[in-house]
Every structure is written in structure tokens, then in C-alpha cells.
């Protein structure tokens, strides 16, 4: 059981390590996105540098990178996968996105990939998280603030849904996921939190056209 879970995690990690932001930027603008904007490989930076349509494409690809392995990958390792196996696959893809082996363990912040995973593991919690995200993004257009709020909303919602026994044998996998992943996302936004505190965090500006690049 433990060996299968470890192999499942490693397979999910390898899939999660696929740097779609970097690949899309190379294909669309012939640039290394790590050398432009914030240097992040996520959808937000791609959208800022190359235009919103490319950022949306990266968002979708990164979300699918989380959703499909969390949904399907456990079936390759277990004849009757339980909720824990889906959680392990989901965590593996998110960790792979955040710390991809192909890029020296310097990846994205995991929001889009986590979105795909939570759509699979906790659809109600993901709906509440999406509401929290847009409730802040629409008036303020600050992606980091909205992402942090969404992560917190998902954690609280899932723990409430799993109550009164969130850490029972049946629920503990999803409960730990609901604490671990939002914590990782918030930790990955620590520099954004500093800029938010200083009032220096930039707003997202929608761009329709790809800007010229060198």
C-alpha cells in the first residue's frame, strides 16, 4: 500500500512538473518567461507579459494538469482507489508544479493546478473558493490577494463539510489536504503578502494583444 502510494505520488509529481507556462511562452513569444515580468512561470505572469489569451491558456493547462491526474492516475495503481489515493495524486501534481525537477525546483505558486485538483476532490469547496476569488478580484484586480482568499475559503469550507469528524479514518486524507495545500499556496505568496502590506502589489491589467518581445 505505502509503496503504491509513493509511486503514485512520484508519477503525479512528474506530471505536475510539466512547465506549461514556460512552454507556452516559448511557443507563443519565443521567450523564457522566467526572464520577464515577475519571473514566475504561472498564468498570471504569462498573461501580463504575452497577453491575457496566453495567460488563460496556461491557466487551463495547469488546471487540467491538476484535475486529470487526481481523477484518473490512482486507477493505474489501485483496482479500487480510495479517497486517500486521489488526495496523494492531487498533492503530487501541486508539489510538482511548485517545485519542478526540470527547472531546478523553482516553479509556480500552484493556484491553477490546485484549482484543478480541488475541482476533483472538493467541488463544493472549490465553488466557495471561486466565489471568494472573484469577490476580491473584480473590485481590486489583485491576483495574489484573491488567490490567498480562495485558498483560505477552500480550507474553511472543507473542514466545515467534514465536521464533526474531519480527521476520522474516512476523512483525514481530505482534511490534511485542506490544510496542507492552502498553507503551501499562502507560503508561496509570502513575497506578495509583503507587497500587499506595503501597498505595492500591482493590479492585473488585461491585455488583448501580444506585446513585442526581444
Protein backbone atom coordinates (compact mmCIF):
# COMPACT_ATOMS: atom_id res chain seq x y z
CA UNK A 1 0.00 0.00 0.00
CA UNK A 2 2.68 2.51 1.03
CA UNK A 3 4.86 1.60 -1.94
CA UNK A 4 1.95 2.09 -4.34
CA UNK A 5 1.12 5.45 -2.77
CA UNK A 6 4.75 6.55 -3.09
CA UNK A 7 4.87 5.52 -6.74
CA UNK A 8 1.56 7.29 -7.30
CA UNK A 9 2.94 10.47 -5.72
CA UNK A 10 6.08 10.33 -7.89
CA UNK A 11 4.06 9.80 -11.06
CA UNK A 12 1.79 12.72 -10.17
CA UNK A 13 4.82 14.84 -9.29
CA UNK A 14 6.36 14.16 -12.72
CA UNK A 15 3.13 15.26 -14.43
CA UNK A 16 2.83 18.31 -12.21
CA UNK A 17 6.39 19.30 -13.06
CA UNK A 18 5.42 19.93 -16.69
CA UNK A 19 6.04 23.73 -17.00
CA UNK A 20 3.18 24.76 -19.27
CA UNK A 21 3.82 28.45 -18.62
CA UNK A 22 7.38 28.15 -19.84
CA UNK A 23 6.39 26.02 -22.85
CA UNK A 24 3.54 28.31 -23.92
CA UNK A 25 5.77 31.39 -23.63
CA UNK A 26 8.45 29.71 -25.72
CA UNK A 27 5.91 28.74 -28.38
CA UNK A 28 3.93 31.99 -28.41
CA UNK A 29 6.59 34.62 -27.89
CA UNK A 30 9.88 32.75 -28.21
CA UNK A 31 10.89 33.95 -24.76
CA UNK A 32 11.94 32.42 -21.48
CA UNK A 33 9.12 33.65 -19.23
CA UNK A 34 11.44 33.30 -16.23
CA UNK A 35 13.37 36.33 -17.54
CA UNK A 36 10.33 38.57 -17.94
CA UNK A 37 7.84 40.19 -15.62
CA UNK A 38 7.90 38.65 -12.17
CA UNK A 39 9.90 35.68 -13.44
CA UNK A 40 7.15 33.27 -12.43
CA UNK A 41 6.03 30.52 -14.83
CA UNK A 42 2.37 30.78 -13.83
CA UNK A 43 -0.63 32.02 -15.78
CA UNK A 44 -0.63 35.50 -14.22
CA UNK A 45 2.88 36.36 -15.36
CA UNK A 46 2.33 34.84 -18.80
CA UNK A 47 -0.83 36.94 -19.14
CA UNK A 48 0.95 40.12 -18.11
CA UNK A 49 3.88 39.57 -20.47
CA UNK A 50 2.29 37.95 -23.53
CA UNK A 51 -1.38 38.88 -23.27
CA UNK A 52 -4.44 37.57 -21.45
CA UNK A 53 -5.31 34.89 -24.01
CA UNK A 54 -1.98 33.17 -23.40
CA UNK A 55 -2.40 33.54 -19.67
CA UNK A 56 -5.84 31.92 -19.94
CA UNK A 57 -4.37 29.06 -21.96
CA UNK A 58 -1.75 28.43 -19.27
CA UNK A 59 -4.45 28.62 -16.60
CA UNK A 60 -6.50 25.93 -18.35
CA UNK A 61 -3.50 23.68 -18.98
CA UNK A 62 -2.25 23.99 -15.40
CA UNK A 63 -5.75 23.29 -14.05
CA UNK A 64 -6.10 20.19 -16.25
CA UNK A 65 -2.64 19.15 -15.06
CA UNK A 66 -4.12 19.01 -11.58
CA UNK A 67 -7.61 17.69 -12.36
CA UNK A 68 -6.85 14.75 -14.64
CA UNK A 69 -4.12 13.07 -12.54
CA UNK A 70 -6.16 13.49 -9.34
CA UNK A 71 -9.13 11.88 -11.08
CA UNK A 72 -7.53 9.17 -13.20
CA UNK A 73 -4.00 8.36 -12.03
CA UNK A 74 -4.99 6.37 -8.89
CA UNK A 75 -6.76 3.86 -11.14
CA UNK A 76 -3.41 2.84 -12.59
CA UNK A 77 -2.10 1.90 -9.15
CA UNK A 78 -5.20 0.58 -7.36
CA UNK A 79 -8.06 -1.59 -8.57
CA UNK A 80 -10.43 0.24 -6.22
CA UNK A 81 -8.80 3.59 -5.34
CA UNK A 82 -9.96 5.27 -2.15
CA UNK A 83 -10.10 8.98 -1.36
CA UNK A 84 -6.57 8.94 0.05
CA UNK A 85 -5.10 7.84 -3.29
CA UNK A 86 -6.84 10.72 -5.06
CA UNK A 87 -5.51 13.12 -2.42
CA UNK A 88 -1.95 11.78 -2.85
CA UNK A 89 -2.19 12.23 -6.62
CA UNK A 90 -3.51 15.76 -6.19
CA UNK A 91 -0.80 16.76 -3.73
CA UNK A 92 1.83 15.26 -6.03
CA UNK A 93 0.78 17.37 -9.00
CA UNK A 94 0.66 20.56 -6.93
CA UNK A 95 4.10 19.94 -5.39
CA UNK A 96 5.42 19.13 -8.86
CA UNK A 97 4.14 22.46 -10.19
CA UNK A 98 5.60 24.39 -7.27
CA UNK A 99 8.95 22.58 -7.25
CA UNK A 100 9.54 21.08 -10.73
CA UNK A 101 12.63 18.93 -11.02
CA UNK A 102 13.14 20.09 -14.62
CA UNK A 103 13.54 23.73 -13.55
CA UNK A 104 15.76 23.30 -10.53
CA UNK A 105 12.74 23.09 -8.20
CA UNK A 106 11.73 26.69 -8.97
CA UNK A 107 8.18 26.63 -10.26
CA UNK A 108 4.87 28.44 -9.97
CA UNK A 109 2.69 29.22 -6.99
CA UNK A 110 0.30 26.35 -7.55
CA UNK A 111 -3.02 28.16 -7.69
CA UNK A 112 -4.21 26.96 -11.10
CA UNK A 113 -3.01 23.39 -10.53
CA UNK A 114 -4.64 23.38 -7.09
CA UNK A 115 -7.84 24.63 -8.73
CA UNK A 116 -7.90 21.57 -10.96
CA UNK A 117 -7.27 19.26 -8.02
CA UNK A 118 -9.95 20.75 -5.79
CA UNK A 119 -12.49 20.59 -8.60
CA UNK A 120 -11.93 16.85 -8.45
CA UNK A 121 -11.65 16.38 -4.68
CA UNK A 122 -13.99 19.02 -3.29
CA UNK A 123 -16.39 20.60 -5.80
CA UNK A 124 -18.38 22.47 -3.14
CA UNK A 125 -15.24 23.84 -1.53
CA UNK A 126 -13.89 24.82 -4.94
CA UNK A 127 -17.13 26.70 -5.73
CA UNK A 128 -16.82 28.67 -2.49
CA UNK A 129 -13.15 29.33 -3.24
CA UNK A 130 -14.03 30.58 -6.74
CA UNK A 131 -16.62 32.92 -5.26
CA UNK A 132 -14.06 34.27 -2.78
CA UNK A 133 -11.53 34.76 -5.58
CA UNK A 134 -13.84 36.78 -7.83
CA UNK A 135 -15.37 38.69 -4.92
CA UNK A 136 -11.95 40.26 -4.39
CA UNK A 137 -10.57 40.15 -7.92
CA UNK A 138 -13.44 42.05 -9.57
CA UNK A 139 -13.09 45.21 -7.45
CA UNK A 140 -9.33 45.09 -6.78
CA UNK A 141 -7.83 43.06 -9.69
CA UNK A 142 -5.04 41.78 -7.43
CA UNK A 143 -4.45 38.12 -8.23
CA UNK A 144 -2.34 37.31 -5.18
CA UNK A 145 -4.90 38.71 -2.72
CA UNK A 146 -7.71 36.86 -4.48
CA UNK A 147 -5.72 33.61 -4.55
CA UNK A 148 -4.94 33.77 -0.83
CA UNK A 149 -8.60 34.43 -0.04
CA UNK A 150 -9.65 31.49 -2.24
CA UNK A 151 -7.18 29.17 -0.51
CA UNK A 152 -8.46 30.15 2.92
CA UNK A 153 -12.09 29.84 1.81
CA UNK A 154 -11.48 26.33 0.50
CA UNK A 155 -9.77 25.22 3.72
CA UNK A 156 -12.54 26.54 5.96
CA UNK A 157 -15.33 25.18 3.75
CA UNK A 158 -13.87 21.69 3.50
CA UNK A 159 -13.24 21.41 7.23
CA UNK A 160 -16.81 22.52 7.91
CA UNK A 161 -18.14 19.99 5.40
CA UNK A 162 -16.10 17.22 7.02
CA UNK A 163 -17.18 18.11 10.56
CA UNK A 164 -17.80 16.86 13.17
CA UNK A 165 -15.13 14.23 12.41
CA UNK A 166 -12.72 15.80 9.88
CA UNK A 167 -9.82 13.61 11.00
CA UNK A 168 -11.62 10.28 11.08
CA UNK A 169 -10.11 7.41 9.08
CA UNK A 170 -12.52 8.14 6.24
CA UNK A 171 -11.95 11.90 6.11
CA UNK A 172 -8.40 12.51 7.26
CA UNK A 173 -6.84 12.45 3.79
CA UNK A 174 -9.04 15.27 2.51
CA UNK A 175 -8.77 17.10 5.84
CA UNK A 176 -4.97 17.13 5.70
CA UNK A 177 -5.14 18.18 2.04
CA UNK A 178 -7.44 21.06 3.01
CA UNK A 179 -4.86 22.29 5.50
CA UNK A 180 -1.63 21.45 3.66
CA UNK A 181 -2.32 22.81 0.17
CA UNK A 182 -3.78 26.21 1.19
CA UNK A 183 -0.82 26.58 3.56
CA UNK A 184 1.62 25.86 0.72
CA UNK A 185 -0.15 28.35 -1.55
CA UNK A 186 -0.04 31.07 1.09
CA UNK A 187 3.63 30.30 1.79
CA UNK A 188 4.43 30.59 -1.92
CA UNK A 189 2.80 34.05 -1.84
CA UNK A 190 4.94 35.33 1.02
CA UNK A 191 6.65 37.99 -1.11
CA UNK A 192 3.25 39.06 -2.43
CA UNK A 193 2.00 39.38 1.14
CA UNK A 194 4.88 41.75 1.90
CA UNK A 195 3.99 43.87 -1.15
CA UNK A 196 0.32 43.82 -0.19
CA UNK A 197 1.21 45.07 3.28
CA UNK A 198 3.25 47.88 1.73
CA UNK A 199 0.56 48.71 -0.81
CA UNK A 200 2.94 47.85 -3.67
CA UNK A 201 1.24 44.79 -5.18
CA UNK A 202 0.36 45.50 -8.85
CA UNK A 203 -3.14 45.15 -10.26
CA UNK A 204 -3.73 42.80 -13.16
CA UNK A 205 -4.27 44.62 -16.43
CA UNK A 206 -5.98 42.69 -19.20
CA UNK A 207 -4.03 42.73 -22.46
CA UNK A 208 -5.61 41.71 -25.75
CA UNK A 209 -2.54 41.75 -27.93
CA UNK A 210 0.81 40.12 -27.53
CA UNK A 211 3.38 42.82 -26.74
CA UNK A 212 6.60 42.95 -28.73
CA UNK A 213 9.41 40.90 -27.26
CA UNK A 214 13.10 40.66 -27.94
